[in-house]
């Protein structure tokens, strides 16, 4: 009996739409979490979850990761919004075309959901809402949010895919 190989390109494109549902779910969960912190905390307020290591806080980031270009005067909002749409569009197009492995589709959905979750903030508020703070003594990791977490997880999955996928 011969084996049957189904390429990613020949798979049903309607089945790939589930990855966009994952991205949409990430956006919804991200926005619910941001609404919770934006309405339930005062700006700069910090509440310890694990004292000495992990707190919730409310801060605003007008820039990109780690407040990169945060003080650039406003034009960066448009740059990062356009970049998020471009990357999400490219990833989405490749998911639709069936060019990615299963792991890459998952990575793409995480990055699309995270990137567009932060775009919603930029469009509604002019900045991104961050609320997760990790620290140890005098060392603080820059505050971040669920969207940022999904972007990082997606990037890690992309690296894993590149190391394990021979296509």
C-alpha atoms as a PDB file:
ATOM      1  CA  UNK A   1       0.000   0.000   0.000  1.00  0.00           C
ATOM      2  CA  UNK A   2       1.344   3.373  -0.943  1.00  0.00           C
ATOM      3  CA  UNK A   3       1.335   6.208   1.524  1.00  0.00           C
ATOM      4  CA  UNK A   4      -0.823   9.232   0.927  1.00  0.00           C
ATOM      5  CA  UNK A   5       0.748  12.643   1.458  1.00  0.00           C
ATOM      6  CA  UNK A   6      -1.431  15.736   1.628  1.00  0.00           C
ATOM      7  CA  UNK A   7       0.505  18.916   1.037  1.00  0.00           C
ATOM      8  CA  UNK A   8      -0.362  22.036   2.968  1.00  0.00           C
ATOM      9  CA  UNK A   9      -1.378  23.740  -0.262  1.00  0.00           C
ATOM     10  CA  UNK A  10      -3.974  21.130  -1.185  1.00  0.00           C
ATOM     11  CA  UNK A  11      -5.708  21.207   2.209  1.00  0.00           C
ATOM     12  CA  UNK A  12      -9.166  22.740   2.334  1.00  0.00           C
ATOM     13  CA  UNK A  13      -8.833  26.525   2.803  1.00  0.00           C
ATOM     14  CA  UNK A  14     -12.024  26.609   4.897  1.00  0.00           C
ATOM     15  CA  UNK A  15     -10.294  24.457   7.500  1.00  0.00           C
ATOM     16  CA  UNK A  16      -7.506  27.023   7.705  1.00  0.00           C
ATOM     17  CA  UNK A  17     -10.030  29.699   8.689  1.00  0.00           C
ATOM     18  CA  UNK A  18      -9.917  28.266  12.213  1.00  0.00           C
ATOM     19  CA  UNK A  19      -6.562  29.990  12.648  1.00  0.00           C
ATOM     20  CA  UNK A  20      -8.306  33.338  12.147  1.00  0.00           C
ATOM     21  CA  UNK A  21     -10.813  32.348  14.836  1.00  0.00           C
ATOM     22  CA  UNK A  22      -7.851  31.763  17.181  1.00  0.00           C
ATOM     23  CA  UNK A  23      -6.507  35.233  16.316  1.00  0.00           C
ATOM     24  CA  UNK A  24      -9.942  36.783  16.910  1.00  0.00           C
ATOM     25  CA  UNK A  25     -10.240  35.035  20.274  1.00  0.00           C
ATOM     26  CA  UNK A  26      -6.829  36.409  21.272  1.00  0.00           C
ATOM     27  CA  UNK A  27      -7.975  39.925  20.359  1.00  0.00           C
ATOM     28  CA  UNK A  28     -11.169  39.546  22.416  1.00  0.00           C
ATOM     29  CA  UNK A  29      -9.396  38.137  25.499  1.00  0.00           C
ATOM     30  CA  UNK A  30      -6.680  40.795  25.211  1.00  0.00           C
ATOM     31  CA  UNK A  31      -9.229  43.618  24.999  1.00  0.00           C
ATOM     32  CA  UNK A  32     -11.270  42.265  27.932  1.00  0.00           C
ATOM     33  CA  UNK A  33      -8.123  42.138  30.066  1.00  0.00           C
ATOM     34  CA  UNK A  34      -7.161  45.683  29.075  1.00  0.00           C
ATOM     35  CA  UNK A  35     -10.644  47.014  29.832  1.00  0.00           C
ATOM     36  CA  UNK A  36     -10.443  45.357  33.248  1.00  0.00           C
ATOM     37  CA  UNK A  37      -7.139  46.990  34.125  1.00  0.00           C
ATOM     38  CA  UNK A  38      -7.909  50.345  32.489  1.00  0.00           C
ATOM     39  CA  UNK A  39     -11.148  50.692  34.466  1.00  0.00           C
ATOM     40  CA  UNK A  40     -10.162  48.913  37.687  1.00  0.00           C
ATOM     41  CA  UNK A  41      -6.752  50.504  38.305  1.00  0.00           C
ATOM     42  CA  UNK A  42      -5.446  54.025  38.583  1.00  0.00           C
ATOM     43  CA  UNK A  43      -2.584  54.881  36.246  1.00  0.00           C
ATOM     44  CA  UNK A  44       0.662  53.691  37.843  1.00  0.00           C
ATOM     45  CA  UNK A  45      -1.104  51.711  40.562  1.00  0.00           C
ATOM     46  CA  UNK A  46       0.677  48.476  41.378  1.00  0.00           C
ATOM     47  CA  UNK A  47      -0.865  45.436  43.106  1.00  0.00           C
ATOM     48  CA  UNK A  48       1.428  42.560  44.007  1.00  0.00           C
ATOM     49  CA  UNK A  49       0.403  39.099  42.849  1.00  0.00           C
ATOM     50  CA  UNK A  50       3.640  37.385  43.895  1.00  0.00           C
ATOM     51  CA  UNK A  51       5.448  39.920  46.117  1.00  0.00           C
ATOM     52  CA  UNK A  52       8.976  40.609  44.960  1.00  0.00           C
ATOM     53  CA  UNK A  53       8.395  39.081  41.511  1.00  0.00           C
ATOM     54  CA  UNK A  54       5.046  39.733  39.793  1.00  0.00           C
ATOM     55  CA  UNK A  55       2.535  42.581  40.020  1.00  0.00           C
ATOM     56  CA  UNK A  56      -0.337  43.991  38.067  1.00  0.00           C
ATOM     57  CA  UNK A  57       0.011  47.662  37.228  1.00  0.00           C
ATOM     58  CA  UNK A  58      -1.543  50.078  34.771  1.00  0.00           C
ATOM     59  CA  UNK A  59       0.780  51.902  32.402  1.00  0.00           C
ATOM     60  CA  UNK A  60       0.419  53.285  28.895  1.00  0.00           C
ATOM     61  CA  UNK A  61       2.899  52.725  26.093  1.00  0.00           C
ATOM     62  CA  UNK A  62       2.746  55.169  23.168  1.00  0.00           C
ATOM     63  CA  UNK A  63       5.643  53.393  21.434  1.00  0.00           C
ATOM     64  CA  UNK A  64       6.376  49.811  20.538  1.00  0.00           C
ATOM     65  CA  UNK A  65       8.043  47.059  22.548  1.00  0.00           C
ATOM     66  CA  UNK A  66       9.665  48.433  25.702  1.00  0.00           C
ATOM     67  CA  UNK A  67       8.320  51.885  24.781  1.00  0.00           C
ATOM     68  CA  UNK A  68      10.601  52.102  21.742  1.00  0.00           C
ATOM     69  CA  UNK A  69       9.970  55.541  20.163  1.00  0.00           C
ATOM     70  CA  UNK A  70       7.511  56.331  22.971  1.00  0.00           C
ATOM     71  CA  UNK A  71       8.476  60.008  23.007  1.00  0.00           C
ATOM     72  CA  UNK A  72       8.596  60.510  19.248  1.00  0.00           C
ATOM     73  CA  UNK A  73       5.645  62.881  19.120  1.00  0.00           C
ATOM     74  CA  UNK A  74       2.837  60.683  17.782  1.00  0.00           C
ATOM     75  CA  UNK A  75       3.923  59.691  14.274  1.00  0.00           C
ATOM     76  CA  UNK A  76       5.114  56.325  15.620  1.00  0.00           C
ATOM     77  CA  UNK A  77       1.496  55.313  16.330  1.00  0.00           C
ATOM     78  CA  UNK A  78       0.845  55.309  12.580  1.00  0.00           C
ATOM     79  CA  UNK A  79       4.106  53.513  11.822  1.00  0.00           C
ATOM     80  CA  UNK A  80       3.423  50.682  14.305  1.00  0.00           C
ATOM     81  CA  UNK A  81      -0.225  50.423  13.237  1.00  0.00           C
ATOM     82  CA  UNK A  82       0.789  50.138   9.582  1.00  0.00           C
ATOM     83  CA  UNK A  83       3.511  47.642  10.421  1.00  0.00           C
ATOM     84  CA  UNK A  84       1.041  45.503  12.416  1.00  0.00           C
ATOM     85  CA  UNK A  85      -1.410  45.504   9.498  1.00  0.00           C
ATOM     86  CA  UNK A  86       1.342  44.653   6.997  1.00  0.00           C
ATOM     87  CA  UNK A  87       2.769  41.767   9.039  1.00  0.00           C
ATOM     88  CA  UNK A  88      -0.703  40.453   9.894  1.00  0.00           C
ATOM     89  CA  UNK A  89      -1.735  40.675   6.247  1.00  0.00           C
ATOM     90  CA  UNK A  90       1.356  38.813   5.064  1.00  0.00           C
ATOM     91  CA  UNK A  91       0.955  36.105   7.703  1.00  0.00           C
ATOM     92  CA  UNK A  92      -2.776  35.786   7.014  1.00  0.00           C
ATOM     93  CA  UNK A  93      -2.218  35.548   3.271  1.00  0.00           C
ATOM     94  CA  UNK A  94       0.265  32.725   3.786  1.00  0.00           C
ATOM     95  CA  UNK A  95      -2.157  30.890   6.079  1.00  0.00           C
ATOM     96  CA  UNK A  96      -4.921  31.200   3.457  1.00  0.00           C
ATOM     97  CA  UNK A  97      -2.606  30.041   0.666  1.00  0.00           C
ATOM     98  CA  UNK A  98      -1.589  27.003   2.710  1.00  0.00           C
ATOM     99  CA  UNK A  99       2.101  27.879   2.693  1.00  0.00           C
ATOM    100  CA  UNK A 100       2.692  27.249   6.374  1.00  0.00           C
ATOM    101  CA  UNK A 101       3.065  24.139   8.484  1.00  0.00           C
ATOM    102  CA  UNK A 102       0.657  23.473  11.327  1.00  0.00           C
ATOM    103  CA  UNK A 103       3.103  25.000  13.807  1.00  0.00           C
ATOM    104  CA  UNK A 104       3.602  28.087  11.616  1.00  0.00           C
ATOM    105  CA  UNK A 105      -0.165  28.524  11.277  1.00  0.00           C
ATOM    106  CA  UNK A 106      -0.417  28.519  15.069  1.00  0.00           C
ATOM    107  CA  UNK A 107       2.473  31.000  15.317  1.00  0.00           C
ATOM    108  CA  UNK A 108       0.852  33.228  12.692  1.00  0.00           C
ATOM    109  CA  UNK A 109      -2.496  33.231  14.507  1.00  0.00           C
ATOM    110  CA  UNK A 110      -0.787  34.196  17.790  1.00  0.00           C
ATOM    111  CA  UNK A 111       1.146  37.042  16.129  1.00  0.00           C
ATOM    112  CA  UNK A 112      -1.875  38.299  14.188  1.00  0.00           C
ATOM    113  CA  UNK A 113      -4.067  38.269  17.313  1.00  0.00           C
ATOM    114  CA  UNK A 114      -1.439  39.991  19.430  1.00  0.00           C
ATOM    115  CA  UNK A 115      -0.509  42.588  16.836  1.00  0.00           C
ATOM    116  CA  UNK A 116      -4.118  43.499  16.083  1.00  0.00           C
ATOM    117  CA  UNK A 117      -4.977  43.527  19.802  1.00  0.00           C
ATOM    118  CA  UNK A 118      -2.391  46.271  20.261  1.00  0.00           C
ATOM    119  CA  UNK A 119      -3.640  48.058  17.118  1.00  0.00           C
ATOM    120  CA  UNK A 120      -7.089  48.300  18.705  1.00  0.00           C
ATOM    121  CA  UNK A 121      -5.483  50.137  21.642  1.00  0.00           C
ATOM    122  CA  UNK A 122      -3.578  52.517  19.384  1.00  0.00           C
ATOM    123  CA  UNK A 123      -6.715  53.342  17.402  1.00  0.00           C
ATOM    124  CA  UNK A 124      -8.988  53.756  20.445  1.00  0.00           C
ATOM    125  CA  UNK A 125      -6.622  55.355  22.961  1.00  0.00           C
ATOM    126  CA  UNK A 126      -3.521  56.498  21.087  1.00  0.00           C
ATOM    127  CA  UNK A 127      -1.359  54.157  23.198  1.00  0.00           C
ATOM    128  CA  UNK A 128      -1.142  50.513  24.243  1.00  0.00           C
ATOM    129  CA  UNK A 129      -2.397  49.471  27.685  1.00  0.00           C
ATOM    130  CA  UNK A 130       0.141  47.377  29.620  1.00  0.00           C
ATOM    131  CA  UNK A 131      -0.468  45.739  32.990  1.00  0.00           C
ATOM    132  CA  UNK A 132       1.867  42.792  33.632  1.00  0.00           C
ATOM    133  CA  UNK A 133       5.030  43.669  35.548  1.00  0.00           C
ATOM    134  CA  UNK A 134       7.856  41.253  36.385  1.00  0.00           C
ATOM    135  CA  UNK A 135      10.664  42.365  38.681  1.00  0.00           C
ATOM    136  CA  UNK A 136      13.252  41.250  41.184  1.00  0.00           C
ATOM    137  CA  UNK A 137      14.635  43.687  43.773  1.00  0.00           C
ATOM    138  CA  UNK A 138      15.673  46.767  41.741  1.00  0.00           C
ATOM    139  CA  UNK A 139      15.393  45.054  38.345  1.00  0.00           C
ATOM    140  CA  UNK A 140      12.147  45.595  36.415  1.00  0.00           C
ATOM    141  CA  UNK A 141      11.179  44.010  33.107  1.00  0.00           C
ATOM    142  CA  UNK A 142       9.150  46.520  31.067  1.00  0.00           C
ATOM    143  CA  UNK A 143       5.391  46.161  31.602  1.00  0.00           C
ATOM    144  CA  UNK A 144       3.536  44.230  28.919  1.00  0.00           C
ATOM    145  CA  UNK A 145       0.102  42.755  28.146  1.00  0.00           C
ATOM    146  CA  UNK A 146      -1.504  39.567  26.833  1.00  0.00           C
ATOM    147  CA  UNK A 147      -1.136  40.687  23.201  1.00  0.00           C
ATOM    148  CA  UNK A 148       2.618  41.113  23.707  1.00  0.00           C
ATOM    149  CA  UNK A 149       2.747  37.654  25.285  1.00  0.00           C
ATOM    150  CA  UNK A 150       1.055  36.077  22.273  1.00  0.00           C
ATOM    151  CA  UNK A 151       3.385  37.912  19.873  1.00  0.00           C
ATOM    152  CA  UNK A 152       6.415  36.556  21.769  1.00  0.00           C
ATOM    153  CA  UNK A 153       4.956  33.063  21.927  1.00  0.00           C
ATOM    154  CA  UNK A 154       4.225  33.208  18.195  1.00  0.00           C
ATOM    155  CA  UNK A 155       7.790  34.307  17.474  1.00  0.00           C
ATOM    156  CA  UNK A 156       9.115  31.426  19.599  1.00  0.00           C
ATOM    157  CA  UNK A 157       6.904  28.987  17.667  1.00  0.00           C
ATOM    158  CA  UNK A 158       8.248  30.411  14.387  1.00  0.00           C
ATOM    159  CA  UNK A 159      11.804  29.766  15.559  1.00  0.00           C
ATOM    160  CA  UNK A 160      10.868  26.249  16.646  1.00  0.00           C
ATOM    161  CA  UNK A 161       9.240  25.638  13.259  1.00  0.00           C
ATOM    162  CA  UNK A 162      12.333  26.867  11.437  1.00  0.00           C
ATOM    163  CA  UNK A 163      14.476  24.444  13.474  1.00  0.00           C
ATOM    164  CA  UNK A 164      12.192  21.436  13.015  1.00  0.00           C
ATOM    165  CA  UNK A 165      10.533  21.899   9.615  1.00  0.00           C
ATOM    166  CA  UNK A 166      12.688  20.857   6.681  1.00  0.00           C
ATOM    167  CA  UNK A 167      10.363  22.324   4.001  1.00  0.00           C
END
